[in-house]
């Protein structure tokens, strides 16, 4: 499974878009994967920053390249 850094680098190289770790975690949750626990997360039930709708397909494409989904 790819790391968050690998996904971020892949998206940056292919699309020129910087993605945040919280966006990657949100997309992982939406696709049924378990995200890595964040040490600074206040609540496991609440999400402070959701992934923007226009960025989600880009992150999912990167996850497909890494055979995650």
PDB file of N, CA and C in Angstrom:
ATOM      1  N   UNK A   1       0.842  -1.172   0.000  1.00  0.00           N
ATOM      2  CA  UNK A   1       0.000   0.000   0.000  1.00  0.00           C
ATOM      3  C   UNK A   1       0.893   1.243   0.000  1.00  0.00           C
ATOM      4  N   UNK A   2       0.514   2.219  -0.754  1.00  0.00           N
ATOM      5  CA  UNK A   2       1.291   3.445  -0.881  1.00  0.00           C
ATOM      6  C   UNK A   2       1.158   4.310   0.365  1.00  0.00           C
ATOM      7  N   UNK A   3       2.202   5.068   0.637  1.00  0.00           N
ATOM      8  CA  UNK A   3       2.165   5.995   1.762  1.00  0.00           C
ATOM      9  C   UNK A   3       1.502   7.300   1.325  1.00  0.00           C
ATOM     10  N   UNK A   4       1.172   8.117   2.297  1.00  0.00           N
ATOM     11  CA  UNK A   4       0.569   9.409   2.001  1.00  0.00           C
ATOM     12  C   UNK A   4       1.537  10.259   1.168  1.00  0.00           C
ATOM     13  N   UNK A   5       2.824  10.187   1.490  1.00  0.00           N
ATOM     14  CA  UNK A   5       3.833  10.952   0.753  1.00  0.00           C
ATOM     15  C   UNK A   5       3.902  10.499  -0.707  1.00  0.00           C
ATOM     16  N   UNK A   6       3.815   9.208  -0.956  1.00  0.00           N
ATOM     17  CA  UNK A   6       3.834   8.702  -2.331  1.00  0.00           C
ATOM     18  C   UNK A   6       2.617   9.188  -3.112  1.00  0.00           C
ATOM     19  N   UNK A   7       1.464   9.180  -2.482  1.00  0.00           N
ATOM     20  CA  UNK A   7       0.249   9.657  -3.146  1.00  0.00           C
ATOM     21  C   UNK A   7       0.362  11.149  -3.423  1.00  0.00           C
ATOM     22  N   UNK A   8       0.825  11.908  -2.412  1.00  0.00           N
ATOM     23  CA  UNK A   8       0.999  13.356  -2.601  1.00  0.00           C
ATOM     24  C   UNK A   8       1.960  13.656  -3.744  1.00  0.00           C
ATOM     25  N   UNK A   9       3.075  12.955  -3.789  1.00  0.00           N
ATOM     26  CA  UNK A   9       4.069  13.169  -4.848  1.00  0.00           C
ATOM     27  C   UNK A   9       3.517  12.805  -6.217  1.00  0.00           C
ATOM     28  N   UNK A  10       2.763  11.717  -6.296  1.00  0.00           N
ATOM     29  CA  UNK A  10       2.177  11.283  -7.563  1.00  0.00           C
ATOM     30  C   UNK A  10       1.175  12.309  -8.081  1.00  0.00           C
ATOM     31  N   UNK A  11       0.308  12.802  -7.208  1.00  0.00           N
ATOM     32  CA  UNK A  11      -0.688  13.802  -7.613  1.00  0.00           C
ATOM     33  C   UNK A  11       0.014  15.088  -8.044  1.00  0.00           C
ATOM     34  N   UNK A  12       1.036  15.505  -7.302  1.00  0.00           N
ATOM     35  CA  UNK A  12       1.779  16.724  -7.634  1.00  0.00           C
ATOM     36  C   UNK A  12       2.455  16.596  -8.999  1.00  0.00           C
ATOM     37  N   UNK A  13       3.052  15.442  -9.264  1.00  0.00           N
ATOM     38  CA  UNK A  13       3.768  15.239 -10.527  1.00  0.00           C
ATOM     39  C   UNK A  13       2.821  15.158 -11.722  1.00  0.00           C
ATOM     40  N   UNK A  14       1.692  14.486 -11.563  1.00  0.00           N
ATOM     41  CA  UNK A  14       0.788  14.271 -12.693  1.00  0.00           C
ATOM     42  C   UNK A  14      -0.177  15.425 -12.934  1.00  0.00           C
ATOM     43  N   UNK A  15      -0.600  16.108 -11.847  1.00  0.00           N
ATOM     44  CA  UNK A  15      -1.652  17.122 -11.987  1.00  0.00           C
ATOM     45  C   UNK A  15      -1.242  18.503 -11.492  1.00  0.00           C
ATOM     46  N   UNK A  16      -0.095  18.619 -10.821  1.00  0.00           N
ATOM     47  CA  UNK A  16       0.346  19.903 -10.309  1.00  0.00           C
ATOM     48  C   UNK A  16      -0.499  20.421  -9.165  1.00  0.00           C
ATOM     49  N   UNK A  17      -1.182  19.518  -8.464  1.00  0.00           N
ATOM     50  CA  UNK A  17      -2.057  19.896  -7.355  1.00  0.00           C
ATOM     51  C   UNK A  17      -1.447  19.375  -6.064  1.00  0.00           C
ATOM     52  N   UNK A  18      -1.342  20.244  -5.051  1.00  0.00           N
ATOM     53  CA  UNK A  18      -0.886  19.804  -3.741  1.00  0.00           C
ATOM     54  C   UNK A  18      -2.088  19.314  -2.955  1.00  0.00           C
ATOM     55  N   UNK A  19      -1.996  18.113  -2.399  1.00  0.00           N
ATOM     56  CA  UNK A  19      -3.097  17.564  -1.604  1.00  0.00           C
ATOM     57  C   UNK A  19      -2.639  17.415  -0.161  1.00  0.00           C
ATOM     58  N   UNK A  20      -3.569  17.600   0.744  1.00  0.00           N
ATOM     59  CA  UNK A  20      -3.285  17.494   2.169  1.00  0.00           C
ATOM     60  C   UNK A  20      -3.528  16.069   2.643  1.00  0.00           C
ATOM     61  N   UNK A  21      -2.838  15.685   3.711  1.00  0.00           N
ATOM     62  CA  UNK A  21      -3.008  14.344   4.269  1.00  0.00           C
ATOM     63  C   UNK A  21      -4.446  14.084   4.677  1.00  0.00           C
ATOM     64  N   UNK A  22      -5.102  15.098   5.209  1.00  0.00           N
ATOM     65  CA  UNK A  22      -6.493  14.903   5.648  1.00  0.00           C
ATOM     66  C   UNK A  22      -7.406  14.618   4.458  1.00  0.00           C
ATOM     67  N   UNK A  23      -7.088  15.160   3.290  1.00  0.00           N
ATOM     68  CA  UNK A  23      -7.882  14.867   2.087  1.00  0.00           C
ATOM     69  C   UNK A  23      -7.688  13.415   1.676  1.00  0.00           C
ATOM     70  N   UNK A  24      -6.451  12.939   1.741  1.00  0.00           N
ATOM     71  CA  UNK A  24      -6.160  11.551   1.393  1.00  0.00           C
ATOM     72  C   UNK A  24      -6.883  10.620   2.359  1.00  0.00           C
ATOM     73  N   UNK A  25      -6.841  10.939   3.649  1.00  0.00           N
ATOM     74  CA  UNK A  25      -7.531  10.122   4.651  1.00  0.00           C
ATOM     75  C   UNK A  25      -9.030  10.101   4.390  1.00  0.00           C
ATOM     76  N   UNK A  26      -9.607  11.233   4.010  1.00  0.00           N
ATOM     77  CA  UNK A  26     -11.037  11.310   3.726  1.00  0.00           C
ATOM     78  C   UNK A  26     -11.394  10.428   2.527  1.00  0.00           C
ATOM     79  N   UNK A  27     -10.597  10.480   1.477  1.00  0.00           N
ATOM     80  CA  UNK A  27     -10.850   9.662   0.288  1.00  0.00           C
ATOM     81  C   UNK A  27     -10.688   8.184   0.623  1.00  0.00           C
ATOM     82  N   UNK A  28      -9.713   7.843   1.471  1.00  0.00           N
ATOM     83  CA  UNK A  28      -9.552   6.455   1.885  1.00  0.00           C
ATOM     84  C   UNK A  28     -10.798   5.970   2.617  1.00  0.00           C
ATOM     85  N   UNK A  29     -11.334   6.794   3.507  1.00  0.00           N
ATOM     86  CA  UNK A  29     -12.550   6.426   4.226  1.00  0.00           C
ATOM     87  C   UNK A  29     -13.720   6.254   3.274  1.00  0.00           C
ATOM     88  N   UNK A  30     -13.846   7.140   2.295  1.00  0.00           N
ATOM     89  CA  UNK A  30     -14.941   7.066   1.341  1.00  0.00           C
ATOM     90  C   UNK A  30     -14.875   5.801   0.490  1.00  0.00           C
ATOM     91  N   UNK A  31     -13.676   5.249   0.322  1.00  0.00           N
ATOM     92  CA  UNK A  31     -13.493   4.043  -0.480  1.00  0.00           C
ATOM     93  C   UNK A  31     -13.353   2.781   0.366  1.00  0.00           C
ATOM     94  N   UNK A  32     -13.673   2.882   1.653  1.00  0.00           N
ATOM     95  CA  UNK A  32     -13.679   1.712   2.514  1.00  0.00           C
ATOM     96  C   UNK A  32     -12.333   1.281   3.049  1.00  0.00           C
ATOM     97  N   UNK A  33     -11.319   2.113   2.928  1.00  0.00           N
ATOM     98  CA  UNK A  33      -9.999   1.798   3.463  1.00  0.00           C
ATOM     99  C   UNK A  33      -9.843   2.450   4.831  1.00  0.00           C
ATOM    100  N   UNK A  34      -9.015   1.880   5.671  1.00  0.00           N
ATOM    101  CA  UNK A  34      -8.784   2.445   6.988  1.00  0.00           C
ATOM    102  C   UNK A  34      -7.629   3.429   6.921  1.00  0.00           C
ATOM    103  N   UNK A  35      -7.892   4.701   7.239  1.00  0.00           N
ATOM    104  CA  UNK A  35      -6.797   5.673   7.200  1.00  0.00           C
ATOM    105  C   UNK A  35      -5.866   5.512   8.394  1.00  0.00           C
ATOM    106  N   UNK A  36      -4.674   6.020   8.240  1.00  0.00           N
ATOM    107  CA  UNK A  36      -3.691   6.008   9.304  1.00  0.00           C
ATOM    108  C   UNK A  36      -4.177   6.932  10.427  1.00  0.00           C
ATOM    109  N   UNK A  37      -4.046   6.542  11.695  1.00  0.00           N
ATOM    110  CA  UNK A  37      -4.497   7.421  12.777  1.00  0.00           C
ATOM    111  C   UNK A  37      -3.598   8.652  12.886  1.00  0.00           C
ATOM    112  N   UNK A  38      -4.212   9.815  12.966  1.00  0.00           N
ATOM    113  CA  UNK A  38      -3.467  11.058  13.104  1.00  0.00           C
ATOM    114  C   UNK A  38      -3.309  11.388  14.584  1.00  0.00           C
ATOM    115  N   UNK A  39      -2.111  11.765  14.964  1.00  0.00           N
ATOM    116  CA  UNK A  39      -1.852  12.062  16.370  1.00  0.00           C
ATOM    117  C   UNK A  39      -2.530  13.353  16.811  1.00  0.00           C
ATOM    118  N   UNK A  40      -2.768  14.264  15.883  1.00  0.00           N
ATOM    119  CA  UNK A  40      -3.352  15.557  16.241  1.00  0.00           C
ATOM    120  C   UNK A  40      -4.862  15.614  15.997  1.00  0.00           C
ATOM    121  N   UNK A  41      -5.483  14.515  15.664  1.00  0.00           N
ATOM    122  CA  UNK A  41      -6.924  14.510  15.393  1.00  0.00           C
ATOM    123  C   UNK A  41      -7.692  14.634  16.703  1.00  0.00           C
ATOM    124  N   UNK A  42      -8.597  15.584  16.747  1.00  0.00           N
ATOM    125  CA  UNK A  42      -9.333  15.868  17.980  1.00  0.00           C
ATOM    126  C   UNK A  42     -10.394  14.826  18.259  1.00  0.00           C
ATOM    127  N   UNK A  43     -11.094  14.404  17.216  1.00  0.00           N
ATOM    128  CA  UNK A  43     -12.181  13.447  17.399  1.00  0.00           C
ATOM    129  C   UNK A  43     -12.162  12.449  16.255  1.00  0.00           C
ATOM    130  N   UNK A  44     -12.401  11.197  16.550  1.00  0.00           N
ATOM    131  CA  UNK A  44     -12.423  10.181  15.505  1.00  0.00           C
ATOM    132  C   UNK A  44     -13.696  10.266  14.673  1.00  0.00           C
ATOM    133  N   UNK A  45     -14.733  10.904  15.216  1.00  0.00           N
ATOM    134  CA  UNK A  45     -16.008  10.992  14.509  1.00  0.00           C
ATOM    135  C   UNK A  45     -16.139  12.241  13.643  1.00  0.00           C
ATOM    136  N   UNK A  46     -15.443  13.300  13.976  1.00  0.00           N
ATOM    137  CA  UNK A  46     -15.588  14.569  13.257  1.00  0.00           C
ATOM    138  C   UNK A  46     -14.422  14.787  12.299  1.00  0.00           C
ATOM    139  N   UNK A  47     -14.734  15.336  11.142  1.00  0.00           N
ATOM    140  CA  UNK A  47     -13.711  15.659  10.151  1.00  0.00           C
ATOM    141  C   UNK A  47     -13.673  17.174  10.003  1.00  0.00           C
ATOM    142  N   UNK A  48     -12.495  17.778  10.226  1.00  0.00           N
ATOM    143  CA  UNK A  48     -12.342  19.222  10.148  1.00  0.00           C
ATOM    144  C   UNK A  48     -12.260  19.670   8.696  1.00  0.00           C
ATOM    145  N   UNK A  49     -11.435  18.983   7.903  1.00  0.00           N
ATOM    146  CA  UNK A  49     -11.246  19.356   6.504  1.00  0.00           C
ATOM    147  C   UNK A  49     -11.624  18.176   5.612  1.00  0.00           C
ATOM    148  N   UNK A  50     -12.731  18.302   4.927  1.00  0.00           N
ATOM    149  CA  UNK A  50     -13.132  17.281   3.962  1.00  0.00           C
ATOM    150  C   UNK A  50     -12.422  17.523   2.645  1.00  0.00           C
ATOM    151  N   UNK A  51     -12.287  16.475   1.863  1.00  0.00           N
ATOM    152  CA  UNK A  51     -11.644  16.591   0.558  1.00  0.00           C
ATOM    153  C   UNK A  51     -12.573  17.340  -0.398  1.00  0.00           C
ATOM    154  N   UNK A  52     -12.059  18.358  -1.100  1.00  0.00           N
ATOM    155  CA  UNK A  52     -12.885  19.054  -2.084  1.00  0.00           C
ATOM    156  C   UNK A  52     -13.328  18.098  -3.199  1.00  0.00           C
ATOM    157  N   UNK A  53     -14.533  18.302  -3.696  1.00  0.00           N
ATOM    158  CA  UNK A  53     -15.101  17.406  -4.710  1.00  0.00           C
ATOM    159  C   UNK A  53     -14.260  17.356  -5.976  1.00  0.00           C
ATOM    160  N   UNK A  54     -13.623  18.457  -6.346  1.00  0.00           N
ATOM    161  CA  UNK A  54     -12.831  18.472  -7.579  1.00  0.00           C
ATOM    162  C   UNK A  54     -11.485  17.758  -7.429  1.00  0.00           C
ATOM    163  N   UNK A  55     -11.046  17.527  -6.201  1.00  0.00           N
ATOM    164  CA  UNK A  55      -9.755  16.869  -5.965  1.00  0.00           C
ATOM    165  C   UNK A  55      -9.929  15.364  -5.760  1.00  0.00           C
ATOM    166  N   UNK A  56     -11.096  14.939  -5.327  1.00  0.00           N
ATOM    167  CA  UNK A  56     -11.333  13.521  -5.026  1.00  0.00           C
ATOM    168  C   UNK A  56     -11.003  12.592  -6.200  1.00  0.00           C
ATOM    169  N   UNK A  57     -11.452  12.881  -7.440  1.00  0.00           N
ATOM    170  CA  UNK A  57     -11.110  11.959  -8.540  1.00  0.00           C
ATOM    171  C   UNK A  57      -9.609  11.878  -8.814  1.00  0.00           C
ATOM    172  N   UNK A  58      -8.893  12.950  -8.557  1.00  0.00           N
ATOM    173  CA  UNK A  58      -7.443  12.958  -8.777  1.00  0.00           C
ATOM    174  C   UNK A  58      -6.762  12.036  -7.760  1.00  0.00           C
ATOM    175  N   UNK A  59      -7.179  12.125  -6.507  1.00  0.00           N
ATOM    176  CA  UNK A  59      -6.598  11.260  -5.473  1.00  0.00           C
ATOM    177  C   UNK A  59      -6.974   9.806  -5.731  1.00  0.00           C
ATOM    178  N   UNK A  60      -8.215   9.560  -6.119  1.00  0.00           N
ATOM    179  CA  UNK A  60      -8.640   8.189  -6.418  1.00  0.00           C
ATOM    180  C   UNK A  60      -7.855   7.610  -7.595  1.00  0.00           C
ATOM    181  N   UNK A  61      -7.565   8.428  -8.607  1.00  0.00           N
ATOM    182  CA  UNK A  61      -6.764   7.961  -9.747  1.00  0.00           C
ATOM    183  C   UNK A  61      -5.370   7.559  -9.291  1.00  0.00           C
ATOM    184  N   UNK A  62      -4.781   8.340  -8.395  1.00  0.00           N
ATOM    185  CA  UNK A  62      -3.478   7.999  -7.864  1.00  0.00           C
ATOM    186  C   UNK A  62      -3.532   6.706  -7.059  1.00  0.00           C
ATOM    187  N   UNK A  63      -4.590   6.523  -6.279  1.00  0.00           N
ATOM    188  CA  UNK A  63      -4.734   5.286  -5.505  1.00  0.00           C
ATOM    189  C   UNK A  63      -4.896   4.081  -6.430  1.00  0.00           C
ATOM    190  N   UNK A  64      -5.570   4.271  -7.553  1.00  0.00           N
ATOM    191  CA  UNK A  64      -5.698   3.174  -8.533  1.00  0.00           C
ATOM    192  C   UNK A  64      -4.342   2.817  -9.124  1.00  0.00           C
ATOM    193  N   UNK A  65      -3.503   3.824  -9.387  1.00  0.00           N
ATOM    194  CA  UNK A  65      -2.154   3.556  -9.915  1.00  0.00           C
ATOM    195  C   UNK A  65      -1.325   2.736  -8.934  1.00  0.00           C
ATOM    196  N   UNK A  66      -1.568   2.929  -7.650  1.00  0.00           N
ATOM    197  CA  UNK A  66      -0.863   2.167  -6.623  1.00  0.00           C
ATOM    198  C   UNK A  66      -1.620   0.906  -6.220  1.00  0.00           C
ATOM    199  N   UNK A  67      -2.679   0.549  -6.946  1.00  0.00           N
ATOM    200  CA  UNK A  67      -3.489  -0.654  -6.685  1.00  0.00           C
ATOM    201  C   UNK A  67      -4.068  -0.678  -5.260  1.00  0.00           C
ATOM    202  N   UNK A  68      -4.468   0.469  -4.776  1.00  0.00           N
ATOM    203  CA  UNK A  68      -5.082   0.547  -3.457  1.00  0.00           C
ATOM    204  C   UNK A  68      -6.590   0.352  -3.543  1.00  0.00           C
ATOM    205  N   UNK A  69      -7.182   0.802  -4.641  1.00  0.00           N
ATOM    206  CA  UNK A  69      -8.624   0.639  -4.842  1.00  0.00           C
ATOM    207  C   UNK A  69      -8.864   0.046  -6.211  1.00  0.00           C
TER     208      UNK A  69
END
